[in-house]
Protein backbone atom coordinates (compact mmCIF):
# COMPACT_ATOMS: atom_id res chain seq x y z
CA MET A 1 114.53 53.95 131.09
CA SER A 2 111.13 54.51 132.31
CA SER A 3 109.07 51.90 133.72
CA GLN A 4 106.43 52.27 130.81
CA GLU A 5 109.43 51.66 128.35
CA PHE A 6 109.98 48.98 130.44
CA ARG A 7 106.86 47.06 130.33
CA GLN A 8 106.42 47.57 126.70
CA ALA A 9 109.89 45.80 126.15
CA MET A 10 108.50 42.78 128.15
CA GLY A 11 105.13 42.93 126.40
CA LYS A 12 107.01 41.38 123.29
CA PHE A 13 107.81 38.34 125.09
CA SER A 14 104.89 35.60 124.59
CA THR A 15 104.02 33.43 127.35
CA GLY A 16 101.14 31.03 128.34
CA VAL A 17 98.63 32.04 130.48
CA THR A 18 98.31 30.81 134.23
CA VAL A 19 95.99 30.86 137.23
CA VAL A 20 97.71 30.90 140.86
CA THR A 21 94.95 29.04 143.31
CA GLY A 22 95.61 29.29 147.07
CA GLN A 23 94.16 28.45 150.46
CA ILE A 24 93.97 31.77 152.59
CA ASN A 25 92.27 31.95 155.58
CA GLY A 26 90.23 28.57 154.52
CA HIS A 27 89.12 29.96 151.11
CA ILE A 28 90.05 29.37 147.39
CA HIS A 29 91.83 32.68 146.43
CA GLY A 30 93.38 33.12 142.89
CA MET A 31 95.18 35.43 140.72
CA THR A 32 96.50 35.50 136.87
CA VAL A 33 100.29 35.16 136.36
CA ASN A 34 102.33 35.33 133.64
CA ALA A 35 105.54 35.41 135.22
CA PHE A 36 105.50 31.06 135.61
CA MET A 37 108.38 29.11 134.46
CA SER A 38 109.66 25.72 134.63
CA VAL A 39 113.16 25.76 136.99
CA SER A 40 114.86 21.94 137.48
CA LEU A 41 113.68 18.76 136.17
CA ASP A 42 115.47 16.96 138.90
CA PRO A 43 113.81 17.88 141.55
CA GLN A 44 111.05 19.33 139.29
CA LEU A 45 110.40 22.89 140.67
CA ILE A 46 108.86 25.92 139.08
CA THR A 47 108.65 29.25 139.88
CA ILE A 48 105.74 32.07 140.26
CA SER A 49 106.10 35.75 140.82
CA LEU A 50 103.62 37.21 142.93
CA ASP A 51 103.18 41.82 142.69
CA GLN A 52 103.60 43.02 146.38
CA LYS A 53 99.64 44.38 145.95
CA THR A 54 98.45 41.33 145.42
CA LYS A 55 96.70 39.27 148.36
CA MET A 56 98.83 36.43 147.93
CA TYR A 57 101.79 38.46 148.13
CA LYS A 58 100.37 39.80 151.28
CA HIS A 59 99.56 35.93 152.62
CA ALA A 60 102.68 34.16 151.07
CA ASP A 61 103.95 32.99 154.54
CA GLU A 62 100.31 30.99 154.89
CA LEU A 63 100.71 29.55 151.51
CA GLN A 64 102.46 26.05 151.60
CA ARG A 65 100.42 24.51 148.65
CA PHE A 66 99.51 26.23 145.47
CA GLY A 67 97.72 25.39 142.02
CA VAL A 68 98.79 26.16 139.00
CA SER A 69 96.13 26.23 135.83
CA ILE A 70 97.94 26.97 132.89
CA LEU A 71 94.58 28.12 130.66
CA ARG A 72 93.16 26.52 127.31
CA GLU A 73 92.52 29.09 124.58
CA GLU A 74 89.02 29.01 125.25
CA GLN A 75 89.26 30.48 128.73
CA GLU A 76 90.47 33.93 128.79
CA ASP A 77 87.69 34.62 130.11
CA VAL A 78 88.37 33.04 133.78
CA SER A 79 92.28 34.76 133.13
CA MET A 80 90.45 38.03 133.47
CA ILE A 81 87.92 37.16 136.43
CA PHE A 82 91.68 36.28 138.41
CA ALA A 83 93.11 39.36 136.86
CA LYS A 84 90.60 41.52 138.44
CA GLN A 85 89.64 43.07 134.61
CA VAL A 86 85.86 41.72 134.99
CA ASP A 87 84.39 41.65 138.90
CA GLU A 88 82.46 37.89 138.41
CA PRO A 89 82.49 35.21 141.10
CA PHE A 90 84.18 32.50 139.90
CA GLU A 91 83.71 28.59 141.42
CA ASP A 92 84.42 26.23 138.61
CA PHE A 93 87.23 24.65 140.47
CA THR A 94 88.54 21.10 141.06
CA THR A 95 90.99 19.31 143.03
CA LEU A 96 94.61 17.87 142.07
CA ASP A 97 96.51 16.35 144.72
CA GLY A 98 94.27 17.92 147.70
CA VAL A 99 95.11 21.56 146.03
CA SER A 100 92.59 23.54 144.34
CA VAL A 101 92.92 24.02 140.71
CA ILE A 102 90.82 25.64 137.88
CA ASN A 103 88.21 23.33 135.85
CA ASN A 104 89.37 21.89 132.72
CA ALA A 105 92.31 23.87 132.69
CA LEU A 106 94.88 22.82 130.07
CA THR A 107 97.23 21.49 132.43
CA THR A 108 97.30 21.86 136.23
CA LEU A 109 99.73 21.04 138.74
CA ALA A 110 99.56 20.95 142.61
CA CYS A 111 103.01 22.43 144.09
CA THR A 112 104.49 22.62 147.39
CA VAL A 113 106.40 26.38 148.13
CA ILE A 114 110.16 25.63 149.51
CA ASN A 115 111.74 28.36 149.27
CA SER A 116 110.70 32.38 148.55
CA VAL A 117 112.78 35.51 147.59
CA GLU A 118 112.01 38.98 147.78
CA ALA A 119 113.12 40.87 144.13
CA GLY A 120 112.04 44.44 144.01
CA ASP A 121 108.64 44.46 144.11
CA HIS A 122 107.81 41.03 143.64
CA MET A 123 108.19 37.14 145.50
CA LEU A 124 109.28 34.68 143.61
CA LEU A 125 108.10 31.65 145.25
CA ILE A 126 110.05 28.62 144.37
CA ALA A 127 107.95 25.02 144.33
CA GLU A 128 107.95 21.13 143.74
CA VAL A 129 105.80 20.19 141.74
CA ASP A 130 103.56 17.38 143.50
CA GLU A 131 101.07 16.44 141.13
CA ILE A 132 100.33 17.19 137.07
CA ASP A 133 97.34 16.67 135.25
CA LEU A 134 97.70 16.92 131.26
CA ARG A 135 94.88 17.38 129.04
CA ASP A 136 94.91 18.01 124.83
CA GLY A 137 94.11 21.58 123.47
CA LYS A 138 95.78 24.51 122.62
CA PRO A 139 96.72 27.21 125.37
CA LEU A 140 96.19 30.77 125.64
CA ILE A 141 98.92 33.25 124.89
CA TYR A 142 99.58 36.53 125.78
CA TYR A 143 101.46 38.66 123.98
CA ASP A 144 101.93 42.65 123.48
CA ARG A 145 99.11 43.49 126.55
CA ALA A 146 96.39 41.45 124.31
CA TYR A 147 95.56 37.66 124.40
CA ARG A 148 96.39 35.64 121.32
CA LYS A 149 95.47 32.30 119.94
CA ILE A 150 97.72 29.57 118.39
CA ILE A 151 96.75 29.25 114.77
CA ASP A 152 97.83 26.05 112.65
């Protein structure tokens, strides 16, 4: 199979959209990540996947804590900024347990890295969830290379 076929097949799996944020050299950096999952309830662990082409991958050894912001359906523009599809500055952050997260996201998590695993052209960061902020709303969905919304 080609990498294009593999990409198309993986696009058939719908996911929520998250922005992962962390401090690198004293500055907040973020990236849109749809490779995010819950790993364990006890302890409460999640994992994210970082592409080797990203700044966060290159500085993963400095990234001891990070935030995960699960975006709400109204935040497609935020996802596009952190996916580098739109070249706009972003400053609408808040903090959760001392970690920068996206203001007004559907859910935010403050996490501490406990392990990293090289996996092909990505690195998996496994992290313990230290704090959660839950809000009401609907998630932004990504399916078949496009943003989607849940319609009741």
